[in-house]
Amino acid sequence: ALRRMNQELERRVQERTRELAEKARIVEAFYSTAINPVVFLDREFNFIRVNEAYAKACARDVSEFIGKNHFEMYPGELKADFERVLRDQKPWQTLARPFVFPDHPDWGVTYWDLGLVPVLDDRGGVDFLVLSLNDVTARHQAEQARDRLQEQLYQAQKMEAIGQLAAGLG
């Protein structure tokens, strides 16, 4: 009976080990292939893990982030929003948020869609945060150029209408 119990326990351990290995493989595949930057942060906003896309967007190596504080590396006004997510335990999102990389000011203003999601532990508290980003700089710049062209067109049409009105009066 003891041998059978030991064999059953061994079978369960092997099965659980296979399940965990499969989950780890899926997480690794996600991290290595995700196109958009993704970050795991602890409750103090220290980097737990970043994917290659995040490191590439920051022109850094993945190893440069682990254990460092997000807001020491990238100071800014987002900290209040991150603290609110931690306190309220509700996801947060912002669109086309302007950002200048402190270590790359020559890149100018970039624009990012950001999402921050709290992941809760067994007791209902925040275990860690998942930050996802999407670089929308090109789209934002194209929208600004379109808006400028529309304004120029409007002004040209207004001037033409004034000219026609003046010609009609003369």
N, C-alpha and C. Protein backbone atom coordinates (compact mmCIF):
# COMPACT_ATOMS: atom_id res chain seq x y z
N ALA A 1 0.83 -1.19 0.00
CA ALA A 1 0.00 0.00 0.00
C ALA A 1 0.88 1.26 0.00
N LEU A 2 1.95 1.21 0.80
CA LEU A 2 2.85 2.35 0.84
C LEU A 2 3.50 2.57 -0.52
N ARG A 3 3.88 1.48 -1.19
CA ARG A 3 4.49 1.57 -2.52
C ARG A 3 3.50 2.18 -3.52
N ARG A 4 2.23 1.76 -3.45
CA ARG A 4 1.21 2.30 -4.36
C ARG A 4 1.00 3.80 -4.11
N MET A 5 0.95 4.18 -2.83
CA MET A 5 0.79 5.60 -2.50
C MET A 5 1.99 6.40 -2.99
N ASN A 6 3.17 5.84 -2.85
CA ASN A 6 4.38 6.51 -3.31
C ASN A 6 4.35 6.66 -4.84
N GLN A 7 3.93 5.62 -5.55
CA GLN A 7 3.84 5.67 -7.01
C GLN A 7 2.80 6.71 -7.45
N GLU A 8 1.66 6.74 -6.75
CA GLU A 8 0.62 7.73 -7.07
C GLU A 8 1.13 9.14 -6.83
N LEU A 9 1.82 9.34 -5.72
CA LEU A 9 2.40 10.65 -5.43
C LEU A 9 3.42 11.03 -6.50
N GLU A 10 4.26 10.09 -6.88
CA GLU A 10 5.26 10.33 -7.93
C GLU A 10 4.59 10.70 -9.25
N ARG A 11 3.49 9.99 -9.59
CA ARG A 11 2.75 10.28 -10.83
C ARG A 11 2.18 11.70 -10.79
N ARG A 12 1.60 12.09 -9.65
CA ARG A 12 1.03 13.43 -9.50
C ARG A 12 2.10 14.51 -9.60
N VAL A 13 3.24 14.26 -8.99
CA VAL A 13 4.35 15.23 -9.05
C VAL A 13 4.81 15.39 -10.49
N GLN A 14 4.95 14.29 -11.21
CA GLN A 14 5.37 14.37 -12.62
C GLN A 14 4.34 15.10 -13.46
N GLU A 15 3.06 14.82 -13.22
CA GLU A 15 1.99 15.49 -13.96
C GLU A 15 2.00 16.99 -13.68
N ARG A 16 2.13 17.38 -12.42
CA ARG A 16 2.18 18.79 -12.05
C ARG A 16 3.41 19.47 -12.62
N THR A 17 4.53 18.77 -12.63
CA THR A 17 5.77 19.31 -13.20
C THR A 17 5.59 19.56 -14.69
N ARG A 18 4.95 18.63 -15.40
CA ARG A 18 4.67 18.83 -16.83
C ARG A 18 3.77 20.04 -17.06
N GLU A 19 2.73 20.18 -16.22
CA GLU A 19 1.82 21.32 -16.34
C GLU A 19 2.56 22.64 -16.13
N LEU A 20 3.39 22.70 -15.10
CA LEU A 20 4.16 23.92 -14.83
C LEU A 20 5.15 24.21 -15.95
N ALA A 21 5.78 23.19 -16.47
CA ALA A 21 6.72 23.38 -17.58
C ALA A 21 6.00 23.92 -18.81
N GLU A 22 4.80 23.43 -19.07
CA GLU A 22 4.02 23.91 -20.21
C GLU A 22 3.62 25.37 -20.01
N LYS A 23 3.20 25.71 -18.80
CA LYS A 23 2.85 27.11 -18.52
C LYS A 23 4.07 28.01 -18.67
N ALA A 24 5.21 27.57 -18.18
CA ALA A 24 6.45 28.36 -18.31
C ALA A 24 6.82 28.52 -19.77
N ARG A 25 6.64 27.47 -20.57
CA ARG A 25 6.94 27.54 -22.01
C ARG A 25 6.04 28.57 -22.69
N ILE A 26 4.76 28.60 -22.31
CA ILE A 26 3.82 29.55 -22.91
C ILE A 26 4.20 30.98 -22.54
N VAL A 27 4.53 31.22 -21.27
CA VAL A 27 4.94 32.56 -20.83
C VAL A 27 6.21 32.98 -21.57
N GLU A 28 7.17 32.09 -21.68
CA GLU A 28 8.42 32.40 -22.40
C GLU A 28 8.14 32.72 -23.86
N ALA A 29 7.25 31.95 -24.49
CA ALA A 29 6.91 32.21 -25.89
C ALA A 29 6.27 33.58 -26.04
N PHE A 30 5.39 33.91 -25.11
CA PHE A 30 4.76 35.23 -25.14
C PHE A 30 5.81 36.33 -25.03
N TYR A 31 6.68 36.20 -24.04
CA TYR A 31 7.69 37.23 -23.82
C TYR A 31 8.66 37.36 -24.98
N SER A 32 9.02 36.27 -25.59
CA SER A 32 10.02 36.35 -26.66
C SER A 32 9.41 36.75 -28.00
N THR A 33 8.09 36.64 -28.16
CA THR A 33 7.50 36.94 -29.47
C THR A 33 6.55 38.13 -29.48
N ALA A 34 6.17 38.66 -28.33
CA ALA A 34 5.22 39.78 -28.30
C ALA A 34 5.80 40.98 -29.03
N ILE A 35 4.99 41.57 -29.87
CA ILE A 35 5.42 42.73 -30.65
C ILE A 35 5.41 44.00 -29.80
N ASN A 36 4.41 44.13 -28.94
CA ASN A 36 4.28 45.32 -28.11
C ASN A 36 5.05 45.16 -26.81
N PRO A 37 5.58 46.26 -26.30
CA PRO A 37 6.30 46.23 -25.03
C PRO A 37 5.39 45.83 -23.87
N VAL A 38 5.91 44.93 -23.02
CA VAL A 38 5.18 44.47 -21.84
C VAL A 38 6.15 44.42 -20.66
N VAL A 39 5.66 44.85 -19.49
CA VAL A 39 6.48 44.94 -18.29
C VAL A 39 5.70 44.38 -17.10
N PHE A 40 6.38 43.65 -16.23
CA PHE A 40 5.83 43.27 -14.93
C PHE A 40 6.53 44.14 -13.89
N LEU A 41 5.73 44.79 -13.03
CA LEU A 41 6.25 45.65 -11.97
C LEU A 41 5.76 45.13 -10.62
N ASP A 42 6.60 45.27 -9.60
CA ASP A 42 6.14 44.91 -8.25
C ASP A 42 5.35 46.08 -7.68
N ARG A 43 4.91 45.95 -6.44
CA ARG A 43 4.06 46.96 -5.81
C ARG A 43 4.77 48.29 -5.58
N GLU A 44 6.08 48.28 -5.61
CA GLU A 44 6.85 49.53 -5.46
C GLU A 44 7.29 50.08 -6.82
N PHE A 45 6.76 49.48 -7.89
CA PHE A 45 7.04 49.88 -9.27
C PHE A 45 8.46 49.56 -9.70
N ASN A 46 9.02 48.52 -9.10
CA ASN A 46 10.32 48.01 -9.55
C ASN A 46 10.08 47.00 -10.66
N PHE A 47 10.98 46.99 -11.62
CA PHE A 47 10.86 46.05 -12.73
C PHE A 47 11.10 44.62 -12.24
N ILE A 48 10.13 43.76 -12.51
CA ILE A 48 10.29 42.33 -12.26
C ILE A 48 10.79 41.67 -13.55
N ARG A 49 10.17 42.08 -14.66
CA ARG A 49 10.54 41.50 -15.95
C ARG A 49 10.06 42.42 -17.06
N VAL A 50 10.84 42.51 -18.12
CA VAL A 50 10.45 43.25 -19.33
C VAL A 50 10.67 42.32 -20.52
N ASN A 51 9.87 42.52 -21.55
CA ASN A 51 10.11 41.71 -22.74
C ASN A 51 11.09 42.42 -23.68
N GLU A 52 11.50 41.70 -24.71
CA GLU A 52 12.47 42.24 -25.67
C GLU A 52 11.95 43.51 -26.34
N ALA A 53 10.64 43.54 -26.63
CA ALA A 53 10.07 44.71 -27.30
C ALA A 53 10.21 45.96 -26.44
N TYR A 54 10.04 45.81 -25.14
CA TYR A 54 10.20 46.96 -24.24
C TYR A 54 11.65 47.42 -24.21
N ALA A 55 12.55 46.48 -24.05
CA ALA A 55 13.98 46.82 -24.02
C ALA A 55 14.40 47.51 -25.32
N LYS A 56 13.92 46.98 -26.44
CA LYS A 56 14.27 47.56 -27.74
C LYS A 56 13.71 48.99 -27.87
N ALA A 57 12.47 49.20 -27.41
CA ALA A 57 11.86 50.52 -27.49
C ALA A 57 12.65 51.54 -26.68
N CYS A 58 13.30 51.07 -25.61
CA CYS A 58 14.09 51.95 -24.74
C CYS A 58 15.56 51.97 -25.13
N ALA A 59 15.93 51.22 -26.17
CA ALA A 59 17.32 51.10 -26.63
C ALA A 59 18.23 50.63 -25.49
N ARG A 60 17.76 49.61 -24.78
CA ARG A 60 18.51 49.02 -23.67
C ARG A 60 18.45 47.50 -23.77
N ASP A 61 19.23 46.85 -22.93
CA ASP A 61 19.19 45.40 -22.82
C ASP A 61 18.19 45.03 -21.73
N VAL A 62 17.53 43.90 -21.88
CA VAL A 62 16.55 43.43 -20.90
C VAL A 62 17.16 43.41 -19.49
N SER A 63 18.40 43.03 -19.38
CA SER A 63 19.05 42.89 -18.07
C SER A 63 19.22 44.22 -17.34
N GLU A 64 19.12 45.34 -18.03
CA GLU A 64 19.32 46.65 -17.41
C GLU A 64 18.14 47.09 -16.53
N PHE A 65 17.01 46.40 -16.63
CA PHE A 65 15.81 46.85 -15.93
C PHE A 65 15.56 46.15 -14.60
N ILE A 66 15.82 44.86 -14.53
CA ILE A 66 15.40 44.04 -13.40
C ILE A 66 15.87 44.62 -12.06
N GLY A 67 14.90 44.84 -11.16
CA GLY A 67 15.19 45.35 -9.83
C GLY A 67 15.24 46.86 -9.74
N LYS A 68 15.30 47.55 -10.86
CA LYS A 68 15.34 49.02 -10.83
C LYS A 68 13.93 49.58 -10.78
N ASN A 69 13.81 50.77 -10.24
CA ASN A 69 12.51 51.41 -10.11
C ASN A 69 12.14 52.12 -11.41
N HIS A 70 10.91 51.89 -11.85
CA HIS A 70 10.42 52.49 -13.09
C HIS A 70 10.54 54.01 -13.07
N PHE A 71 10.17 54.62 -11.94
CA PHE A 71 10.12 56.08 -11.90
C PHE A 71 11.48 56.72 -11.61
N GLU A 72 12.45 55.94 -11.19
CA GLU A 72 13.81 56.45 -11.12
C GLU A 72 14.43 56.47 -12.52
N MET A 73 14.08 55.49 -13.33
CA MET A 73 14.59 55.45 -14.70
C MET A 73 13.82 56.41 -15.61
N TYR A 74 12.51 56.49 -15.41
CA TYR A 74 11.64 57.29 -16.26
C TYR A 74 10.72 58.16 -15.40
N PRO A 75 11.28 59.24 -14.84
CA PRO A 75 10.47 60.10 -13.99
C PRO A 75 9.34 60.74 -14.81
N GLY A 76 8.29 61.08 -14.13
CA GLY A 76 7.19 61.75 -14.83
C GLY A 76 5.93 61.73 -14.00
N GLU A 77 4.90 62.26 -14.62
CA GLU A 77 3.63 62.43 -13.92
C GLU A 77 2.78 61.18 -13.86
N LEU A 78 3.22 60.09 -14.45
CA LEU A 78 2.44 58.85 -14.43
C LEU A 78 2.37 58.19 -13.05
N LYS A 79 3.25 58.55 -12.16
CA LYS A 79 3.31 57.87 -10.87
C LYS A 79 1.98 57.94 -10.13
N ALA A 80 1.30 59.06 -10.19
CA ALA A 80 0.00 59.20 -9.52
C ALA A 80 -1.02 58.23 -10.10
N ASP A 81 -0.99 58.04 -11.41
CA ASP A 81 -1.89 57.08 -12.05
C ASP A 81 -1.56 55.65 -11.63
N PHE A 82 -0.28 55.32 -11.57
CA PHE A 82 0.15 53.99 -11.15
C PHE A 82 -0.26 53.73 -9.70
N GLU A 83 -0.09 54.74 -8.85
CA GLU A 83 -0.47 54.60 -7.44
C GLU A 83 -1.97 54.40 -7.29
N ARG A 84 -2.76 55.06 -8.14
CA ARG A 84 -4.21 54.90 -8.10
C ARG A 84 -4.61 53.47 -8.49
N VAL A 85 -3.93 52.90 -9.49
CA VAL A 85 -4.20 51.51 -9.88
C VAL A 85 -3.90 50.59 -8.72
N LEU A 86 -2.80 50.83 -8.05
CA LEU A 86 -2.41 50.02 -6.89
C LEU A 86 -3.46 50.15 -5.77
N ARG A 87 -3.90 51.36 -5.51
CA ARG A 87 -4.85 51.62 -4.43
C ARG A 87 -6.26 51.09 -4.77
N ASP A 88 -6.75 51.40 -5.99
CA ASP A 88 -8.12 51.05 -6.36
C ASP A 88 -8.25 49.64 -6.93
N GLN A 89 -7.13 49.04 -7.31
CA GLN A 89 -7.09 47.70 -7.88
C GLN A 89 -7.94 47.59 -9.15
N LYS A 90 -7.91 48.66 -9.95
CA LYS A 90 -8.66 48.68 -11.21
C LYS A 90 -7.71 49.03 -12.35
N PRO A 91 -7.91 48.40 -13.52
CA PRO A 91 -7.07 48.71 -14.67
C PRO A 91 -7.21 50.18 -15.08
N TRP A 92 -6.18 50.67 -15.73
CA TRP A 92 -6.12 52.06 -16.18
C TRP A 92 -5.53 52.09 -17.58
N GLN A 93 -5.98 53.04 -18.38
CA GLN A 93 -5.46 53.18 -19.74
C GLN A 93 -5.41 54.65 -20.12
N THR A 94 -4.41 55.00 -20.90
CA THR A 94 -4.32 56.34 -21.47
C THR A 94 -3.85 56.20 -22.92
N LEU A 95 -4.29 57.12 -23.75
CA LEU A 95 -3.99 57.04 -25.18
C LEU A 95 -3.14 58.23 -25.62
N ALA A 96 -2.21 57.94 -26.51
CA ALA A 96 -1.34 58.95 -27.12
C ALA A 96 -0.70 59.87 -26.08
N ARG A 97 -0.18 59.27 -25.03
CA ARG A 97 0.47 60.02 -23.95
C ARG A 97 1.85 60.46 -24.42
N PRO A 98 2.16 61.77 -24.40
CA PRO A 98 3.48 62.21 -24.83
C PRO A 98 4.55 61.81 -23.82
N PHE A 99 5.73 61.49 -24.33
CA PHE A 99 6.84 61.07 -23.48
C PHE A 99 8.15 61.39 -24.16
N VAL A 100 9.10 61.93 -23.39
CA VAL A 100 10.46 62.15 -23.87
C VAL A 100 11.38 61.25 -23.05
N PHE A 101 12.12 60.39 -23.73
CA PHE A 101 13.05 59.51 -23.04
C PHE A 101 14.17 60.35 -22.43
N PRO A 102 14.36 60.29 -21.11
CA PRO A 102 15.38 61.13 -20.48
C PRO A 102 16.79 60.85 -20.99
N ASP A 103 17.05 59.59 -21.36
CA ASP A 103 18.38 59.25 -21.85
C ASP A 103 18.49 59.35 -23.37
N HIS A 104 17.40 59.76 -24.04
CA HIS A 104 17.41 59.95 -25.49
C HIS A 104 16.57 61.17 -25.88
N PRO A 105 16.92 62.36 -25.38
CA PRO A 105 16.12 63.54 -25.72
C PRO A 105 16.15 63.84 -27.22
N ASP A 106 17.17 63.33 -27.90
CA ASP A 106 17.27 63.55 -29.35
C ASP A 106 16.16 62.85 -30.12
N TRP A 107 15.47 61.90 -29.50
CA TRP A 107 14.34 61.24 -30.14
C TRP A 107 13.12 62.15 -30.18
N GLY A 108 13.14 63.23 -29.40
CA GLY A 108 12.01 64.14 -29.35
C GLY A 108 10.84 63.53 -28.58
N VAL A 109 9.67 64.11 -28.80
CA VAL A 109 8.47 63.64 -28.12
C VAL A 109 7.95 62.40 -28.84
N THR A 110 7.73 61.34 -28.06
CA THR A 110 7.09 60.13 -28.58
C THR A 110 5.71 60.04 -27.93
N TYR A 111 4.82 59.25 -28.54
CA TYR A 111 3.46 59.12 -28.04
C TYR A 111 3.14 57.64 -27.84
N TRP A 112 2.52 57.36 -26.70
CA TRP A 112 2.30 55.97 -26.30
C TRP A 112 0.89 55.75 -25.77
N ASP A 113 0.28 54.64 -26.19
CA ASP A 113 -0.91 54.13 -25.52
C ASP A 113 -0.39 53.24 -24.40
N LEU A 114 -0.90 53.43 -23.20
CA LEU A 114 -0.46 52.64 -22.04
C LEU A 114 -1.66 51.99 -21.38
N GLY A 115 -1.44 50.78 -20.89
CA GLY A 115 -2.43 50.10 -20.07
C GLY A 115 -1.73 49.51 -18.86
N LEU A 116 -2.32 49.68 -17.69
CA LEU A 116 -1.76 49.13 -16.47
C LEU A 116 -2.83 48.31 -15.78
N VAL A 117 -2.51 47.04 -15.53
CA VAL A 117 -3.49 46.12 -14.95
C VAL A 117 -2.91 45.53 -13.66
N PRO A 118 -3.67 45.62 -12.56
CA PRO A 118 -3.22 44.97 -11.32
C PRO A 118 -3.56 43.48 -11.36
N VAL A 119 -2.60 42.66 -10.96
CA VAL A 119 -2.83 41.22 -10.84
C VAL A 119 -2.93 40.93 -9.35
N LEU A 120 -4.06 40.36 -8.95
CA LEU A 120 -4.35 40.18 -7.54
C LEU A 120 -3.83 38.83 -7.02
N ASP A 121 -3.49 38.81 -5.73
CA ASP A 121 -3.06 37.58 -5.09
C ASP A 121 -4.26 36.84 -4.50
N ASP A 122 -4.02 35.75 -3.79
CA ASP A 122 -5.08 34.92 -3.22
C ASP A 122 -5.96 35.67 -2.22
N ARG A 123 -5.39 36.67 -1.56
CA ARG A 123 -6.12 37.42 -0.53
C ARG A 123 -6.82 38.66 -1.10
N GLY A 124 -6.70 38.87 -2.39
CA GLY A 124 -7.37 40.01 -3.02
C GLY A 124 -6.55 41.28 -3.06
N GLY A 125 -5.30 41.22 -2.64
CA GLY A 125 -4.41 42.37 -2.74
C GLY A 125 -3.64 42.33 -4.05
N VAL A 126 -3.04 43.44 -4.40
CA VAL A 126 -2.26 43.49 -5.65
C VAL A 126 -0.95 42.73 -5.44
N ASP A 127 -0.74 41.75 -6.29
CA ASP A 127 0.49 40.96 -6.25
C ASP A 127 1.57 41.66 -7.09
N PHE A 128 1.20 42.04 -8.32
CA PHE A 128 2.10 42.78 -9.20
C PHE A 128 1.27 43.49 -10.26
N LEU A 129 1.92 44.29 -11.09
CA LEU A 129 1.24 45.08 -12.13
C LEU A 129 1.79 44.68 -13.49
N VAL A 130 0.91 44.69 -14.49
CA VAL A 130 1.32 44.44 -15.87
C VAL A 130 1.11 45.72 -16.65
N LEU A 131 2.20 46.24 -17.19
CA LEU A 131 2.17 47.45 -18.00
C LEU A 131 2.36 47.06 -19.45
N SER A 132 1.43 47.46 -20.30
CA SER A 132 1.57 47.21 -21.74
C SER A 132 1.56 48.55 -22.46
N LEU A 133 2.35 48.63 -23.51
CA LEU A 133 2.52 49.89 -24.23
C LEU A 133 2.41 49.66 -25.73
N ASN A 134 2.04 50.72 -26.43
CA ASN A 134 2.01 50.70 -27.89
C ASN A 134 2.50 52.06 -28.38
N ASP A 135 3.55 52.05 -29.17
CA ASP A 135 4.11 53.29 -29.71
C ASP A 135 3.22 53.79 -30.83
N VAL A 136 2.55 54.92 -30.61
CA VAL A 136 1.64 55.48 -31.61
C VAL A 136 2.17 56.82 -32.13
N THR A 137 3.49 57.01 -32.04
CA THR A 137 4.10 58.27 -32.46
C THR A 137 3.81 58.57 -33.93
N ALA A 138 4.02 57.61 -34.81
CA ALA A 138 3.80 57.83 -36.24
C ALA A 138 2.35 58.19 -36.52
N ARG A 139 1.43 57.47 -35.89
CA ARG A 139 0.00 57.77 -36.10
C ARG A 139 -0.34 59.17 -35.58
N HIS A 140 0.17 59.50 -34.40
CA HIS A 140 -0.10 60.81 -33.81
C HIS A 140 0.44 61.93 -34.70
N GLN A 141 1.65 61.75 -35.20
CA GLN A 141 2.24 62.76 -36.08
C GLN A 141 1.44 62.89 -37.38
N ALA A 142 0.97 61.77 -37.92
CA ALA A 142 0.16 61.81 -39.14
C ALA A 142 -1.16 62.54 -38.88
N GLU A 143 -1.77 62.30 -37.72
CA GLU A 143 -3.01 62.99 -37.37
C GLU A 143 -2.78 64.48 -37.21
N GLN A 144 -1.65 64.86 -36.61
CA GLN A 144 -1.34 66.29 -36.47
C GLN A 144 -1.12 66.93 -37.84
N ALA A 145 -0.43 66.25 -38.74
CA ALA A 145 -0.20 66.78 -40.09
C ALA A 145 -1.53 66.93 -40.82
N ARG A 146 -2.42 65.92 -40.67
CA ARG A 146 -3.74 66.01 -41.30
C ARG A 146 -4.51 67.21 -40.76
N ASP A 147 -4.46 67.41 -39.45
CA ASP A 147 -5.18 68.54 -38.85
C ASP A 147 -4.63 69.87 -39.36
N ARG A 148 -3.31 69.97 -39.50
CA ARG A 148 -2.71 71.20 -40.03
C ARG A 148 -3.16 71.45 -41.47
N LEU A 149 -3.18 70.40 -42.29
CA LEU A 149 -3.62 70.53 -43.68
C LEU A 149 -5.09 70.93 -43.76
N GLN A 150 -5.91 70.34 -42.89
CA GLN A 150 -7.33 70.71 -42.89
C GLN A 150 -7.50 72.17 -42.51
N GLU A 151 -6.72 72.65 -41.54
CA GLU A 151 -6.80 74.05 -41.14
C GLU A 151 -6.34 74.96 -42.28
N GLN A 152 -5.27 74.57 -42.97
CA GLN A 152 -4.80 75.37 -44.11
C GLN A 152 -5.85 75.41 -45.22
N LEU A 153 -6.48 74.27 -45.47
CA LEU A 153 -7.54 74.21 -46.49
C LEU A 153 -8.70 75.11 -46.09
N TYR A 154 -9.09 75.05 -44.84
CA TYR A 154 -10.19 75.88 -44.35
C TYR A 154 -9.85 77.36 -44.52
N GLN A 155 -8.62 77.74 -44.14
CA GLN A 155 -8.21 79.14 -44.27
C GLN A 155 -8.18 79.57 -45.73
N ALA A 156 -7.72 78.70 -46.61
CA ALA A 156 -7.68 79.02 -48.05
C ALA A 156 -9.09 79.20 -48.59
N GLN A 157 -10.01 78.32 -48.18
CA GLN A 157 -11.40 78.43 -48.64
C GLN A 157 -12.04 79.70 -48.11
N LYS A 158 -11.72 80.04 -46.87
CA LYS A 158 -12.26 81.26 -46.26
C LYS A 158 -11.75 82.49 -47.03
N MET A 159 -10.46 82.50 -47.36
CA MET A 159 -9.89 83.63 -48.10
C MET A 159 -10.50 83.73 -49.49
N GLU A 160 -10.72 82.57 -50.10
CA GLU A 160 -11.34 82.56 -51.45
C GLU A 160 -12.76 83.11 -51.37
N ALA A 161 -13.51 82.71 -50.35
CA ALA A 161 -14.88 83.20 -50.18
C ALA A 161 -14.89 84.70 -49.94
N ILE A 162 -13.94 85.21 -49.15
CA ILE A 162 -13.85 86.65 -48.91
C ILE A 162 -13.51 87.37 -50.21
N GLY A 163 -12.60 86.78 -50.99
CA GLY A 163 -12.25 87.38 -52.29
C GLY A 163 -13.43 87.43 -53.24
N GLN A 164 -14.23 86.37 -53.27
CA GLN A 164 -15.40 86.34 -54.13
C GLN A 164 -16.43 87.36 -53.67
N LEU A 165 -16.60 87.46 -52.36
CA LEU A 165 -17.53 88.43 -51.80
C LEU A 165 -17.10 89.85 -52.14
N ALA A 166 -15.80 90.11 -51.99
CA ALA A 166 -15.27 91.45 -52.30
C ALA A 166 -15.43 91.74 -53.80
N ALA A 167 -15.19 90.76 -54.65
CA ALA A 167 -15.33 90.94 -56.10
C ALA A 167 -16.79 91.23 -56.46
N GLY A 168 -17.71 90.58 -55.75
CA GLY A 168 -19.14 90.80 -56.00
C GLY A 168 -19.60 92.16 -55.57
N LEU A 169 -18.95 92.74 -54.57
CA LEU A 169 -19.32 94.06 -54.08
C LEU A 169 -18.73 95.15 -54.97
N GLY A 170 -17.63 94.85 -55.65
CA GLY A 170 -16.94 95.87 -56.43
C GLY A 170 -17.45 96.03 -57.77
